[in-house]
Protein backbone atom coordinates (compact mmCIF):
# COMPACT_ATOMS: atom_id res chain seq x y z
CA MET A 1 128.17 68.34 48.81
CA HIS A 2 128.84 66.44 51.81
CA THR A 3 132.49 65.84 52.79
CA PRO A 4 132.90 62.23 54.27
CA VAL A 5 133.80 61.93 57.54
CA LEU A 6 134.53 59.12 60.26
CA ALA A 7 131.06 58.27 61.15
CA ASP A 8 130.22 57.37 57.25
CA LEU A 9 132.90 54.64 57.48
CA ALA A 10 132.44 53.22 60.76
CA VAL A 11 130.84 50.10 61.81
CA PRO A 12 129.58 50.22 65.39
CA ALA A 13 131.20 48.40 68.00
CA PRO A 14 130.81 47.47 71.42
CA ILE A 15 133.15 48.01 74.63
CA THR A 16 134.11 45.01 75.60
CA PRO A 17 135.68 44.21 79.38
CA PRO A 18 139.58 43.57 79.14
CA ASP A 19 138.93 40.63 81.79
CA THR A 20 136.63 39.37 78.95
CA PRO A 21 137.74 34.97 78.66
CA MET A 22 138.90 34.44 75.07
CA GLY A 23 136.26 32.02 74.92
CA GLU A 24 133.50 34.62 75.08
CA ILE A 25 135.48 37.15 72.36
CA GLU A 26 135.24 33.90 69.96
CA SER A 27 131.37 33.55 70.78
CA ILE A 28 131.33 37.56 69.97
CA LEU A 29 132.93 37.51 66.74
CA ARG A 30 131.16 34.31 65.28
CA THR A 31 128.05 36.42 66.19
CA ASP A 32 128.71 39.42 64.00
CA PRO A 33 130.51 38.72 61.12
CA GLU A 34 130.64 42.46 60.55
CA LEU A 35 132.86 43.18 63.39
CA LEU A 36 136.10 44.51 62.26
CA GLY A 37 137.57 44.18 65.99
CA ILE A 38 137.16 44.25 69.77
CA VAL A 39 137.42 47.83 71.47
CA THR A 40 138.41 46.99 75.29
CA GLU A 41 139.22 50.31 77.86
CA THR A 42 141.97 50.09 80.53
CA GLY A 43 142.56 53.34 82.68
CA GLU A 44 142.02 56.57 80.48
CA ASP A 45 142.95 53.93 77.08
CA ARG A 46 141.18 52.20 74.93
CA PHE A 47 142.64 49.29 72.73
CA LEU A 48 141.41 47.98 69.08
CA VAL A 49 142.23 44.49 68.56
CA ASP A 50 141.45 43.59 64.99
CA ARG A 51 139.77 40.63 63.75
CA ARG A 52 142.31 39.11 61.98
CA PHE A 53 144.73 38.82 64.53
CA LEU A 54 141.82 37.23 66.68
CA GLU A 55 141.11 34.52 64.28
CA LEU A 56 144.56 33.98 64.23
CA VAL A 57 145.14 33.52 67.79
CA LEU A 58 141.72 31.70 68.55
CA ALA A 59 142.64 29.16 65.42
CA GLY A 60 146.17 28.30 67.83
CA ARG A 61 148.72 29.70 64.87
CA LEU A 62 150.25 31.93 67.34
CA GLY A 63 151.66 29.60 70.12
CA PHE A 64 148.56 29.57 72.07
CA GLY A 65 146.90 25.75 72.93
CA ARG A 66 143.00 26.12 72.59
CA ALA A 67 142.05 25.29 75.92
CA LEU A 68 144.71 27.60 77.43
CA LEU A 69 143.67 30.05 75.54
CA HIS A 70 139.74 30.04 76.21
CA ARG A 71 140.61 31.22 80.05
CA LYS A 72 143.30 33.85 78.85
CA PRO A 73 141.58 36.93 79.07
CA LEU A 74 141.22 40.06 76.19
CA ARG A 75 144.02 41.80 77.91
CA SER A 76 146.29 39.52 77.32
CA LEU A 77 146.55 40.37 73.92
CA LEU A 78 147.05 44.40 74.41
CA ARG A 79 149.94 46.32 73.49
CA ARG A 80 149.89 49.61 72.59
CA PRO A 81 146.64 51.89 73.03
CA ALA A 82 144.50 52.45 69.79
CA LEU A 83 144.31 55.43 67.93
CA VAL A 84 141.03 57.37 68.50
CA LEU A 85 139.42 60.15 66.93
CA PRO A 86 136.15 61.95 66.38
CA ALA A 87 133.02 60.79 64.45
CA GLY A 88 133.32 64.02 62.88
CA THR A 89 136.99 63.81 61.42
CA GLU A 90 137.27 63.83 57.65
CA TRP A 91 138.80 61.08 55.79
CA GLY A 92 141.55 63.27 55.13
CA ASP A 93 142.70 64.05 58.32
CA ALA A 94 141.76 60.81 59.66
CA ALA A 95 144.18 59.20 57.14
CA ARG A 96 147.04 61.55 57.58
CA ALA A 97 146.65 60.80 61.30
CA ALA A 98 146.85 57.20 60.72
CA MET A 99 149.84 57.33 58.73
CA GLN A 100 151.67 59.35 61.18
CA ARG A 101 151.95 56.52 63.37
CA PRO A 102 154.55 54.18 64.16
CA ASP A 103 152.77 51.98 62.59
CA GLY A 104 152.16 53.64 59.72
CA PHE A 105 150.61 52.83 55.97
CA LYS A 106 150.12 49.46 57.52
CA ALA A 107 148.09 50.85 60.73
CA ILE A 108 145.45 48.45 62.04
CA PRO A 109 141.80 49.84 62.03
CA LEU A 110 141.07 52.85 64.58
CA ILE A 111 138.52 53.50 66.81
CA VAL A 112 135.53 56.11 65.70
CA ALA A 113 134.35 58.17 68.67
CA PHE A 114 131.05 59.22 68.40
CA ASP A 115 129.65 61.92 70.87
CA ASP A 116 127.03 59.61 73.17
CA GLY A 117 129.33 57.35 74.22
CA THR A 118 129.45 55.12 71.76
CA VAL A 119 132.34 53.59 69.38
CA GLY A 120 132.70 52.08 66.26
CA ILE A 121 136.16 50.93 63.99
CA ALA A 122 137.06 52.07 60.52
CA PRO A 123 139.61 50.28 58.06
CA VAL A 124 142.50 52.55 57.32
CA GLY A 125 142.77 51.31 53.73
CA PRO A 126 139.36 53.04 52.83
CA LEU A 127 141.20 56.60 54.51
CA VAL A 128 144.47 56.25 52.52
CA GLU A 129 143.24 55.26 49.25
CA HIS A 130 140.72 58.71 49.34
CA LEU A 131 143.46 60.98 50.48
CA SER A 132 145.95 59.73 47.68
CA LYS A 133 142.76 60.55 44.99
CA ARG A 134 142.55 64.08 46.67
CA TYR A 135 146.59 64.36 46.64
CA GLN A 136 145.94 63.09 42.88
CA ALA A 137 143.78 65.48 41.93
CA MET A 138 145.33 68.60 43.54
CA ALA A 139 148.99 67.73 41.77
CA HIS A 140 146.95 67.62 38.15
CA THR A 141 145.27 71.17 39.10
CA ASP A 142 147.02 74.75 39.27
CA ASP A 143 146.70 76.50 42.03
CA LEU A 144 146.53 79.72 40.57
CA THR A 145 143.99 79.51 38.53
CA GLY A 146 141.98 75.97 39.06
CA LEU A 147 142.80 74.98 35.57
CA GLY A 148 144.38 71.96 34.65
CA ASN A 149 148.37 72.19 34.96
CA ARG A 150 151.29 70.59 32.34
CA ARG A 151 151.16 67.19 34.20
CA SER A 152 147.30 67.10 33.63
CA LEU A 153 147.99 68.06 29.67
CA MET A 154 150.51 65.16 29.72
CA GLU A 155 148.30 62.70 30.33
CA GLN A 156 145.34 63.49 27.64
CA ARG A 157 145.09 61.20 24.34
CA ALA A 158 146.55 63.52 21.68
CA ALA A 159 145.29 61.43 18.25
CA ALA A 160 143.92 62.54 15.46
CA PRO A 161 142.08 65.01 14.90
CA ALA A 162 143.05 66.62 18.00
CA ALA A 163 143.68 70.47 18.10
CA LEU A 164 145.72 72.20 20.73
CA PHE A 165 145.93 75.88 21.02
CA VAL A 166 148.88 77.51 23.12
CA VAL A 167 147.67 81.30 24.25
CA ASP A 168 150.32 83.46 25.29
CA LEU A 169 149.74 86.83 26.90
CA ASN A 170 151.08 90.08 25.35
CA ARG A 171 152.89 92.64 27.77
CA PHE A 172 152.09 90.16 30.00
CA LYS A 173 155.34 91.32 32.29
CA GLU A 174 154.59 95.04 31.74
CA ILE A 175 151.24 95.01 33.35
CA ASN A 176 152.57 92.49 36.10
CA ASP A 177 155.58 95.11 36.62
CA THR A 178 152.85 98.19 36.87
CA LEU A 179 150.39 96.58 39.01
CA GLY A 180 152.25 94.77 41.21
CA GLN A 181 152.31 90.52 41.32
CA ARG A 182 149.00 90.31 43.43
CA HIS A 183 146.89 91.99 41.07
CA GLY A 184 148.88 89.91 38.28
CA ASP A 185 147.39 86.88 39.64
CA GLU A 186 144.26 88.16 39.85
CA LEU A 187 144.00 89.31 35.97
CA LEU A 188 145.38 85.64 35.09
CA ARG A 189 142.48 84.12 37.47
CA HIS A 190 139.90 86.50 35.10
CA VAL A 191 141.36 84.55 32.19
CA ALA A 192 141.28 81.43 33.18
CA VAL A 193 137.64 82.03 33.80
CA ALA A 194 136.93 83.63 30.21
CA LEU A 195 139.39 80.82 28.45
CA ALA A 196 137.36 77.84 30.34
CA ALA A 197 134.16 79.20 29.47
CA ALA A 198 134.55 80.05 25.86
CA CYS A 199 136.51 76.47 25.06
CA ALA A 200 133.53 74.80 26.58
CA PRO A 201 133.70 71.18 26.12
CA ALA A 202 137.10 71.33 25.26
CA ARG A 203 139.56 71.82 28.89
CA ALA A 204 141.37 74.47 29.90
CA PHE A 205 145.02 74.27 31.20
CA ARG A 206 147.47 76.87 32.36
CA LEU A 207 151.12 75.62 31.58
CA ASP A 208 153.04 78.06 33.32
CA GLY A 209 153.60 82.13 33.45
CA ASP A 210 150.89 83.68 31.11
CA LYS A 211 150.96 80.93 29.01
CA PHE A 212 147.60 78.63 28.47
CA VAL A 213 146.59 75.68 26.83
CA VAL A 214 142.81 74.94 25.12
CA PHE A 215 143.05 71.05 23.95
CA THR A 216 140.39 69.41 22.68
CA PRO A 217 140.04 65.56 21.11
CA ASP A 218 137.78 66.58 18.53
CA PRO A 219 137.36 70.10 17.04
CA ALA A 220 134.48 68.96 15.37
CA ILE A 221 132.71 69.93 18.72
CA TRP A 222 132.83 73.48 17.49
CA PRO A 223 130.41 72.94 14.49
CA GLY A 224 131.46 75.16 11.58
CA LYS A 225 134.52 76.43 12.83
CA GLU A 226 138.42 75.90 11.71
CA PRO A 227 140.78 75.66 13.95
CA ALA A 228 141.86 79.15 13.16
CA ALA A 229 138.86 80.67 13.53
CA ALA A 230 138.33 79.05 16.92
CA ALA A 231 141.45 80.41 17.61
CA HIS A 232 140.40 83.88 16.96
CA GLU A 233 137.44 83.39 18.85
CA LEU A 234 139.26 82.56 22.13
CA LEU A 235 141.28 85.37 21.78
CA HIS A 236 138.33 87.76 21.37
CA ALA A 237 136.78 86.13 24.81
CA ILE A 238 139.86 86.67 26.76
CA GLN A 239 140.78 90.04 25.73
CA GLY A 240 138.51 91.57 28.44
CA PRO A 241 138.28 94.52 29.85
CA PHE A 242 138.60 93.10 33.12
CA PRO A 243 138.31 94.91 36.70
CA VAL A 244 142.31 94.68 37.99
CA ALA A 245 143.10 97.13 40.87
CA GLY A 246 140.11 99.16 40.35
CA ILE A 247 140.70 99.75 36.55
CA PRO A 248 139.45 97.92 33.18
CA VAL A 249 142.97 96.11 31.39
CA THR A 250 142.47 94.67 28.13
CA VAL A 251 144.42 91.16 27.08
CA GLU A 252 146.21 90.97 23.99
CA ALA A 253 147.47 87.65 23.25
CA SER A 254 149.24 85.35 20.70
CA THR A 255 147.77 81.92 19.63
CA GLY A 256 149.70 78.97 17.70
CA VAL A 257 147.57 75.75 17.03
CA ALA A 258 148.69 72.04 16.07
CA LEU A 259 146.77 69.62 15.18
CA ALA A 260 147.51 65.56 16.23
CA ASP A 261 148.55 63.64 12.40
CA HIS A 262 148.76 60.32 13.08
CA PRO A 263 145.06 58.55 13.75
CA ASP A 264 146.83 56.12 16.74
CA ARG A 265 148.77 58.38 18.97
CA THR A 266 150.80 61.53 18.37
CA GLU A 267 153.01 62.73 21.43
CA MET A 268 151.32 65.18 23.51
CA GLU A 269 155.37 66.87 23.90
CA ASP A 270 155.75 66.93 19.91
CA LEU A 271 151.78 68.41 19.93
CA LEU A 272 152.87 71.08 22.32
CA ALA A 273 156.12 71.47 21.23
CA ARG A 274 154.59 72.47 17.27
CA ALA A 275 152.01 74.78 18.96
CA ASP A 276 154.61 76.58 21.00
CA ALA A 277 156.67 77.05 17.66
CA ALA A 278 153.48 78.32 15.93
CA MET A 279 152.93 80.86 18.93
CA TYR A 280 156.44 82.58 18.80
CA THR A 281 155.92 83.01 15.10
CA ALA A 282 152.38 84.33 16.13
CA LYS A 283 154.26 86.43 18.65
CA ARG A 284 156.81 87.61 16.18
CA ASP A 285 154.84 88.76 13.22
CA ARG A 286 151.82 89.63 15.27
CA THR A 287 149.88 87.95 13.14
CA GLN A 288 147.38 86.43 16.47
CA VAL A 289 147.14 83.18 15.22
CA GLU A 290 149.37 80.93 13.46
CA LEU A 291 148.86 77.26 12.50
CA TRP A 292 152.01 74.95 13.03
CA ARG A 293 153.79 73.34 9.36
CA ALA A 294 156.74 72.31 9.31
CA ALA A 295 158.90 74.62 8.29
CA LEU A 296 158.56 76.73 11.62
CA THR A 297 160.07 73.82 13.69
CA ALA A 298 163.71 74.11 13.05
CA GLY A 299 165.47 70.82 13.34
CA ASN A 300 163.04 68.69 12.71
CA ILE A 301 165.04 65.76 11.52
CA ASP A 302 163.50 62.65 11.30
CA LEU A 303 165.94 60.27 12.60
CA GLY A 304 165.41 57.09 10.71
CA LEU A 305 165.20 55.29 13.91
CA ASP A 306 165.10 51.49 12.88
CA THR A 307 167.97 51.90 10.39
CA ASP A 308 169.86 54.72 12.27
CA LEU A 309 169.52 53.78 15.67
CA ARG A 310 170.52 50.25 15.06
CA ALA A 311 173.36 51.42 13.02
CA ALA A 312 174.35 53.24 15.93
CA ILE A 313 174.37 50.94 18.76
CA GLY A 314 176.27 48.45 16.30
CA LYS A 315 178.95 51.04 15.86
CA GLY A 316 178.64 51.72 19.41
CA GLU A 317 177.73 55.20 19.65
CA LEU A 318 175.27 54.92 22.12
CA VAL A 319 177.24 56.32 25.68
CA LEU A 320 176.44 56.09 29.18
CA HIS A 321 176.97 58.80 31.37
CA TYR A 322 176.24 58.98 34.87
CA GLN A 323 174.09 60.79 37.72
CA PRO A 324 175.10 60.97 41.10
CA LEU A 325 172.40 59.99 44.23
CA VAL A 326 173.79 61.11 47.28
CA ASP A 327 172.98 60.44 50.90
CA ALA A 328 170.35 63.64 52.05
CA ARG A 329 172.26 63.56 55.28
CA THR A 330 176.01 63.03 54.56
CA ARG A 331 175.93 64.22 50.92
CA GLU A 332 177.90 61.46 50.38
CA THR A 333 177.46 59.62 46.79
CA ALA A 334 175.32 56.38 47.13
CA SER A 335 174.57 55.48 44.08
CA VAL A 336 174.39 56.47 40.38
CA GLU A 337 171.93 56.71 37.51
CA ALA A 338 173.33 55.06 34.32
CA LEU A 339 171.91 57.52 31.63
CA VAL A 340 172.23 56.90 27.78
CA ARG A 341 173.38 59.47 25.04
CA TRP A 342 173.38 59.25 21.49
CA SER A 343 176.66 60.33 19.82
CA HIS A 344 175.60 61.34 16.50
CA PRO A 345 178.03 61.47 13.94
CA ARG A 346 176.49 64.79 12.68
CA ARG A 347 174.14 65.79 15.11
CA GLY A 348 176.22 65.86 18.29
CA LEU A 349 175.59 64.50 21.71
CA LEU A 350 171.65 63.73 21.25
CA PRO A 351 169.46 63.88 25.08
CA PRO A 352 167.74 60.58 25.68
CA ARG A 353 164.66 62.39 24.96
CA VAL A 354 164.96 62.80 21.09
CA PHE A 355 165.32 59.20 20.81
CA LEU A 356 163.95 56.76 23.20
CA PRO A 357 160.30 57.80 22.75
CA GLN A 358 160.24 56.64 19.18
CA ALA A 359 162.47 54.07 19.70
CA GLU A 360 159.88 52.03 22.64
CA ARG A 361 157.63 52.29 20.10
CA SER A 362 160.01 49.81 18.10
CA ASP A 363 161.56 46.53 19.04
CA VAL A 364 164.99 48.33 18.80
CA ILE A 365 163.99 49.48 22.11
CA HIS A 366 165.34 45.78 23.42
CA LEU A 367 168.35 46.22 21.69
CA LEU A 368 169.39 49.35 22.76
CA THR A 369 168.49 48.32 26.55
CA ALA A 370 171.00 45.00 26.28
CA ALA A 371 173.74 47.35 25.01
CA VAL A 372 172.81 49.88 28.23
CA LEU A 373 172.42 46.82 30.48
CA ALA A 374 175.67 45.52 29.64
CA ASP A 375 177.79 48.75 29.41
CA ALA A 376 176.47 49.93 32.86
CA VAL A 377 177.24 45.96 34.51
CA ARG A 378 180.58 45.99 33.50
CA GLN A 379 181.30 49.56 34.31
CA ALA A 380 179.87 49.07 38.22
CA ALA A 381 182.04 45.66 37.77
CA ALA A 382 184.86 47.89 37.13
CA TRP A 383 184.49 50.35 39.89
CA HIS A 384 183.78 47.30 41.87
CA ARG A 385 187.31 45.79 41.54
CA ALA A 386 188.64 49.16 41.89
CA GLY A 387 187.12 49.26 45.36
CA ARG A 388 184.20 51.90 44.85
CA ASP A 389 181.18 49.89 45.69
CA VAL A 390 178.48 52.32 44.13
CA PRO A 391 175.65 50.68 42.85
CA VAL A 392 174.07 51.42 39.35
CA ALA A 393 170.56 52.04 38.28
CA VAL A 394 169.39 51.74 35.00
CA ASN A 395 165.88 52.17 33.56
CA LEU A 396 163.78 49.66 32.21
CA ALA A 397 161.38 50.40 29.24
CA ALA A 398 157.59 48.89 29.36
CA PRO A 399 158.41 46.68 26.47
CA VAL A 400 161.45 45.28 27.78
CA LEU A 401 159.89 44.75 31.51
CA ALA A 402 156.96 43.17 29.36
CA SER A 403 159.40 41.13 28.29
CA ASP A 404 160.59 37.68 29.46
CA ARG A 405 164.13 38.32 27.87
CA VAL A 406 165.06 40.66 30.26
CA VAL A 407 166.04 38.53 33.41
CA ALA A 408 168.05 35.96 31.57
CA THR A 409 170.10 38.94 30.18
CA ILE A 410 170.67 40.60 33.63
CA ASP A 411 171.65 37.09 34.93
CA ALA A 412 173.79 36.37 32.52
CA LEU A 413 175.65 40.06 32.55
CA LEU A 414 175.84 39.39 36.76
CA ALA A 415 177.75 35.65 35.90
CA GLU A 416 179.87 37.33 33.33
CA THR A 417 181.02 40.17 35.36
CA GLY A 418 180.94 39.12 39.00
CA LEU A 419 179.03 41.86 39.74
CA PRO A 420 177.40 41.43 43.25
CA PRO A 421 173.47 41.75 42.39
CA ARG A 422 173.00 44.05 44.96
CA ALA A 423 175.19 46.59 43.47
CA LEU A 424 172.75 46.67 40.03
CA ILE A 425 169.17 48.72 40.62
CA VAL A 426 166.54 48.22 37.67
CA GLU A 427 164.28 51.61 37.55
CA VAL A 428 160.69 51.63 36.19
CA THR A 429 158.21 54.03 36.25
CA GLU A 430 154.25 53.58 37.31
CA SER A 431 153.12 53.42 33.38
CA ALA A 432 155.44 50.78 32.40
CA VAL A 433 154.60 48.79 35.07
CA MET A 434 150.43 49.46 34.56
CA THR A 435 150.78 48.66 30.96
CA ARG A 436 150.92 44.71 32.19
CA PRO A 437 150.86 44.75 35.99
CA ALA A 438 150.74 40.88 36.23
CA GLU A 439 153.87 40.18 33.77
CA CYS A 440 155.78 43.30 35.05
CA ALA A 441 155.68 42.08 38.80
CA ASP A 442 156.78 38.77 37.51
CA ARG A 443 159.88 40.02 36.26
CA LEU A 444 160.52 42.54 38.84
CA ARG A 445 160.37 39.29 41.25
CA SER A 446 162.51 37.16 39.78
CA LEU A 447 164.88 40.06 39.63
CA ARG A 448 164.38 40.29 43.82
CA ARG A 449 164.93 36.94 43.94
CA MET A 450 168.39 36.99 42.06
CA GLY A 451 169.34 39.84 44.73
CA VAL A 452 168.77 42.65 42.49
CA LEU A 453 167.46 46.06 44.08
CA VAL A 454 164.19 47.79 42.45
CA ALA A 455 163.36 51.30 42.27
CA ILE A 456 160.28 52.97 40.91
CA ASP A 457 160.70 55.87 39.20
CA ASP A 458 158.80 59.25 38.25
CA PHE A 459 156.28 58.33 40.98
CA GLY A 460 153.12 60.48 41.30
CA ILE A 461 152.76 61.07 37.78
CA GLY A 462 151.15 57.75 36.66
CA ASN A 463 148.34 56.24 38.46
CA THR A 464 149.70 52.96 40.09
CA SER A 465 147.12 52.22 43.07
CA LEU A 466 148.63 52.57 46.57
CA GLY A 467 147.54 48.48 46.59
CA LEU A 468 149.51 47.82 43.57
CA LEU A 469 152.99 49.65 45.44
CA THR A 470 152.18 46.82 48.16
CA GLN A 471 152.43 44.12 45.67
CA LEU A 472 155.47 45.08 43.85
CA PRO A 473 158.63 43.76 45.75
CA LEU A 474 160.49 47.64 45.48
CA ASP A 475 163.35 49.07 47.31
CA GLU A 476 163.49 52.33 46.09
CA LEU A 477 160.80 55.20 45.71
CA LYS A 478 162.05 57.70 43.37
CA LEU A 479 159.96 61.32 43.49
CA ASP A 480 159.07 62.71 40.59
CA ARG A 481 160.97 65.88 40.50
CA SER A 482 157.52 67.85 39.50
CA PHE A 483 156.51 67.62 43.26
CA VAL A 484 160.27 68.47 44.37
CA THR A 485 159.92 71.85 42.30
CA ARG A 486 156.95 72.63 44.36
CA ILE A 487 157.69 71.62 47.80
CA HIS A 488 157.46 75.59 48.59
CA GLU A 489 154.43 76.33 47.99
CA PRO A 490 151.71 75.40 50.79
CA ARG A 491 149.79 72.46 49.23
CA GLY A 492 152.92 70.78 46.87
CA ARG A 493 154.64 70.61 50.27
CA VAL A 494 151.21 68.65 51.94
CA ILE A 495 152.07 65.67 48.53
CA VAL A 496 155.65 65.60 49.25
CA GLU A 497 155.15 65.25 53.12
CA SER A 498 152.26 62.47 52.33
CA VAL A 499 154.50 60.42 50.24
CA ALA A 500 157.90 60.56 52.49
CA ARG A 501 155.38 59.06 55.48
CA MET A 502 153.67 56.32 53.05
CA ALA A 503 157.20 55.67 51.57
CA ASN A 504 158.85 55.51 55.38
CA GLY A 505 155.96 52.95 56.21
CA LEU A 506 156.72 51.02 53.29
CA GLY A 507 159.86 50.33 54.47
CA LEU A 508 161.45 52.32 51.15
CA THR A 509 164.17 53.96 50.04
CA LEU A 510 163.23 57.85 49.17
CA VAL A 511 164.73 59.40 46.68
CA ALA A 512 164.03 62.90 45.48
CA GLU A 513 164.35 63.83 41.66
CA GLY A 514 165.76 67.22 40.39
CA VAL A 515 167.18 68.77 43.44
CA GLU A 516 167.96 71.81 42.05
CA ASP A 517 169.36 74.50 45.29
CA GLU A 518 170.40 73.65 48.60
CA ARG A 519 167.36 75.32 50.09
CA THR A 520 165.48 72.47 48.42
CA ALA A 521 167.80 69.77 49.60
CA GLU A 522 167.35 70.83 53.47
CA THR A 523 163.93 70.50 53.14
CA LEU A 524 163.52 67.24 51.42
CA THR A 525 166.45 66.27 54.10
CA GLU A 526 163.93 67.31 57.06
CA LEU A 527 160.65 65.64 55.57
CA GLY A 528 162.94 61.88 56.03
CA PHE A 529 164.30 61.57 52.31
CA HIS A 530 167.16 59.18 52.03
CA LEU A 531 169.02 60.01 48.59
CA LEU A 532 168.94 62.93 46.70
CA GLN A 533 169.24 63.60 42.87
CA GLY A 534 169.65 66.91 40.58
CA TYR A 535 171.83 69.51 39.12
CA HIS A 536 172.95 70.83 43.14
CA PHE A 537 174.72 67.15 43.72
CA GLY A 538 176.30 67.07 39.73
CA ARG A 539 175.13 67.01 36.38
CA PRO A 540 175.24 62.97 34.04
CA GLU A 541 178.58 62.81 33.10
CA PRO A 542 180.89 59.64 31.79
CA ALA A 543 182.25 57.05 33.18
CA LEU A 544 186.34 58.31 33.98
CA ALA A 545 184.49 61.84 35.48
CA ALA A 546 181.76 59.69 37.80
CA GLY A 547 184.06 57.28 38.50
CA THR A 548 186.74 59.97 40.17
CA ALA A 549 183.90 61.40 41.93
CA THR A 550 182.59 58.16 43.42
CA ARG A 551 186.31 57.36 44.63
CA ASP A 552 186.00 60.38 46.94
CA GLN A 553 182.67 59.16 48.13
CA GLN A 554 182.01 62.60 47.57
CA GLY A 555 180.70 62.73 44.13
CA VAL A 556 179.37 65.95 44.43
CA THR A 557 179.67 70.16 43.83
CA PRO A 558 177.07 71.44 45.80
CA GLY A 559 175.62 74.39 43.71
CA SER A 560 177.47 73.53 40.14
CA ARG A 561 175.50 73.80 37.29
């Protein structure tokens, strides 16, 4: 397969002498409407003046009168030398070189040098988009096996009659300890190849360690096979023996199977949890294969969301905990994120993952968000009056962001409390924005005009295009924790470095989520991250504890868990 290089993208361009009058430059542009700019040389340096800038100059919009301008030489417009790359440079390498320039992501086109001495001009946009897609593919692939990873699995549509199989190897730790990690990895690669071949056309994924997943949106792809029978065939396919360290190694495994039970959509997390529960039952009972049933999942309680959660909001059972975001260099608290908890009278303190996904599928999400915003803004205002100016971030779900109510709600709260707008940060995810991009962008622009800051949360796990990023009124970019946890892997670091260059090129405050240790914190600081968030700096705490921490402008206890 042909690897795209700059020669494929470059538009030929003549080298124009630097003393050429601007009147002649105008004629050149008029003669060749496809020309991306003018290339010239002075000494050993090559310069590129892009077409858009030249057209503005020639139109008299940059302060030059046309009569005077036409006599001016091209060299009067030259600033810094252009980025010049060989025609054989791969697109990814060219994009990285462009983003490392001071102009960053918004760099003007670059000059492409051919072996015969001629030159061309290549736009930067397609190069960066290509690199972004490559990183997106890398971010969805397991480094060891080449299978899809957890992130890739979570993006699959799990509507009935979809089926999910969790395959977990038995006694793998013994094999790994006996043969060594290198040979253990070799065995996992053998299993991955066998599993992918056996489940086709379904897809295989590796979650972590020795745990694999097979997912199919329709089990009918295996004609005449019930899910349990299909699971047994998968186990047979991966038993080997496989040649590892010069000896044949046979594999035993346990499998849990879960079927999607909703014709529209079943949450992949729920489906995976069910298959996981079934797999552990199979492992415990040594039955090899188990189908999920409700009795296997302890604590599987229907929250009765539309009734219980509405009542909980009215009773004040929702509470906010605040997690610090610290300055990467000083380690002082720069802001806090408000995270909602449900103080359930029977089940104790429930984390958001238990009720928020269901709330977002109901109108109750609007009531919940209004309550969270009110508590967070009032708490931030109380801190502000006490002399503790620490911005508070609140998450806005997709249905809330798409509604025209949220702007008026925030405006009223700021007026009521007197909180400076820049002390409030609204966080939105990529997926929330992509549900209804135009409406969401309008809401965010309205909030920005009020002075409220805007952050894009969990960046990297959605499908936001780079073009959309340049259109949204953003102040912060929060890199998802799944990238941060892989920063010490070579490929993982490349992705994080690319995001850091892009964010800094766009002038965004760059935040890393899920920072768990000092080594990771130091690496992120070196790469240009501005703020760090994670258990290494503090867990989410109630307002009183969080306020005490921010008063000292320290708010962190590195290493505390």
